[in-house]
Amino acid sequence: MDLEISNLREFLNLVDTLEKIFEDGLLRGTEIFLFADNSTSKAAFFNGLSKSKNLFDLVLQLRKLVMDHGVLVHLCHVGGGRMKAQGSDGLS
């Protein structure tokens, strides 16, 4: 994954973080809003597929988490400039 594009790494971080939260038994049956400047991952999540095998595998992993933990996930695209101005994109 180190050689993958930053969008894929960012999406992996989101999925991994959710997985850890669910392992702790938190957020079961909740509605979760994820805001990211990653329109590619958002499109893959809502379409259910991607030409990229790694992105497709992450979408499947997230879909499985959604089903297993009874959550509703909203993956929302927010422009990178807006996230920087707001302060939530600390790495940029």
Protein backbone atom coordinates (compact mmCIF):
# COMPACT_ATOMS: atom_id res chain seq x y z
CA MET A 1 0.00 0.00 0.00
CA ASP A 2 3.00 2.33 0.48
CA LEU A 3 3.29 2.67 -3.28
CA GLU A 4 -0.40 3.47 -3.77
CA ILE A 5 -1.80 6.94 -4.34
CA SER A 6 -2.67 9.13 -1.38
CA ASN A 7 -6.44 8.83 -1.94
CA LEU A 8 -6.23 5.08 -1.45
CA ARG A 9 -4.10 5.46 1.69
CA GLU A 10 -6.57 7.99 3.10
CA PHE A 11 -9.49 5.66 2.43
CA LEU A 12 -7.56 2.79 4.03
CA ASN A 13 -7.09 4.94 7.14
CA LEU A 14 -10.84 5.61 7.32
CA VAL A 15 -11.73 1.93 6.93
CA ASP A 16 -9.07 0.78 9.42
CA THR A 17 -10.21 3.36 11.99
CA LEU A 18 -13.84 2.26 11.68
CA GLU A 19 -12.79 -1.37 12.00
CA LYS A 20 -10.94 -0.64 15.26
CA ILE A 21 -13.88 1.34 16.64
CA PHE A 22 -16.26 -1.51 15.85
CA GLU A 23 -13.90 -4.06 17.43
CA ASP A 24 -14.24 -2.08 20.67
CA GLY A 25 -18.01 -2.49 20.44
CA LEU A 26 -18.66 1.19 19.81
CA LEU A 27 -21.09 2.78 17.34
CA ARG A 28 -23.16 -0.37 16.71
CA GLY A 29 -26.42 0.55 15.01
CA THR A 30 -25.46 4.19 14.46
CA GLU A 31 -25.41 6.54 11.51
CA ILE A 32 -21.88 7.64 10.57
CA PHE A 33 -20.89 10.60 8.41
CA LEU A 34 -17.41 10.45 6.87
CA PHE A 35 -16.13 13.64 5.27
CA ALA A 36 -13.12 13.40 2.96
CA ASP A 37 -11.64 15.16 -0.05
CA ASN A 38 -11.60 11.81 -1.83
CA SER A 39 -14.22 11.74 -4.60
CA THR A 40 -12.74 8.55 -6.13
CA SER A 41 -13.35 6.50 -3.00
CA LYS A 42 -16.79 8.05 -2.56
CA ALA A 43 -17.76 7.05 -6.09
CA ALA A 44 -16.41 3.53 -5.63
CA PHE A 45 -18.31 3.15 -2.35
CA PHE A 46 -21.63 4.23 -3.86
CA ASN A 47 -21.16 2.40 -7.17
CA GLY A 48 -19.96 -0.74 -5.41
CA LEU A 49 -17.03 -1.32 -7.74
CA SER A 50 -13.75 0.05 -9.01
CA LYS A 51 -11.19 -0.88 -11.66
CA SER A 52 -8.54 -0.69 -8.93
CA LYS A 53 -8.35 -4.01 -7.09
CA ASN A 54 -7.08 -2.36 -3.90
CA LEU A 55 -9.87 0.21 -3.89
CA PHE A 56 -12.46 -2.46 -4.67
CA ASP A 57 -11.17 -4.57 -1.75
CA LEU A 58 -11.47 -1.57 0.61
CA VAL A 59 -15.02 -0.89 -0.57
CA LEU A 60 -15.90 -4.53 0.13
CA GLN A 61 -14.28 -4.32 3.56
CA LEU A 62 -16.29 -1.20 4.40
CA ARG A 63 -19.54 -2.71 3.06
CA LYS A 64 -18.94 -5.80 5.23
CA LEU A 65 -18.37 -3.61 8.29
CA VAL A 66 -21.63 -1.79 7.55
CA MET A 67 -23.56 -5.05 7.34
CA ASP A 68 -21.88 -6.74 10.32
CA HIS A 69 -22.35 -3.81 12.68
CA GLY A 70 -25.72 -2.49 11.51
CA VAL A 71 -24.52 1.01 10.72
CA LEU A 72 -25.48 3.47 8.04
CA VAL A 73 -22.45 5.18 6.45
CA HIS A 74 -22.58 8.44 4.53
CA LEU A 75 -19.33 9.10 2.68
CA CYS A 76 -19.37 12.80 1.78
CA HIS A 77 -16.96 14.64 -0.48
CA VAL A 78 -15.60 17.95 0.78
CA GLY A 79 -13.05 19.90 -1.23
CA GLY A 80 -9.47 19.83 0.05
CA GLY A 81 -9.24 23.62 0.19
CA ARG A 82 -12.33 23.80 2.35
CA MET A 83 -10.99 21.10 4.70
CA LYS A 84 -7.67 22.97 5.06
CA ALA A 85 -9.46 26.25 5.80
CA GLN A 86 -11.69 24.55 8.38
CA GLY A 87 -8.68 22.84 9.99
CA SER A 88 -9.68 19.18 9.70
CA ASP A 89 -7.08 18.36 7.04
CA GLY A 90 -4.05 18.74 9.24
CA LEU A 91 -1.65 16.82 7.00
CA SER A 92 -2.06 19.08 3.97
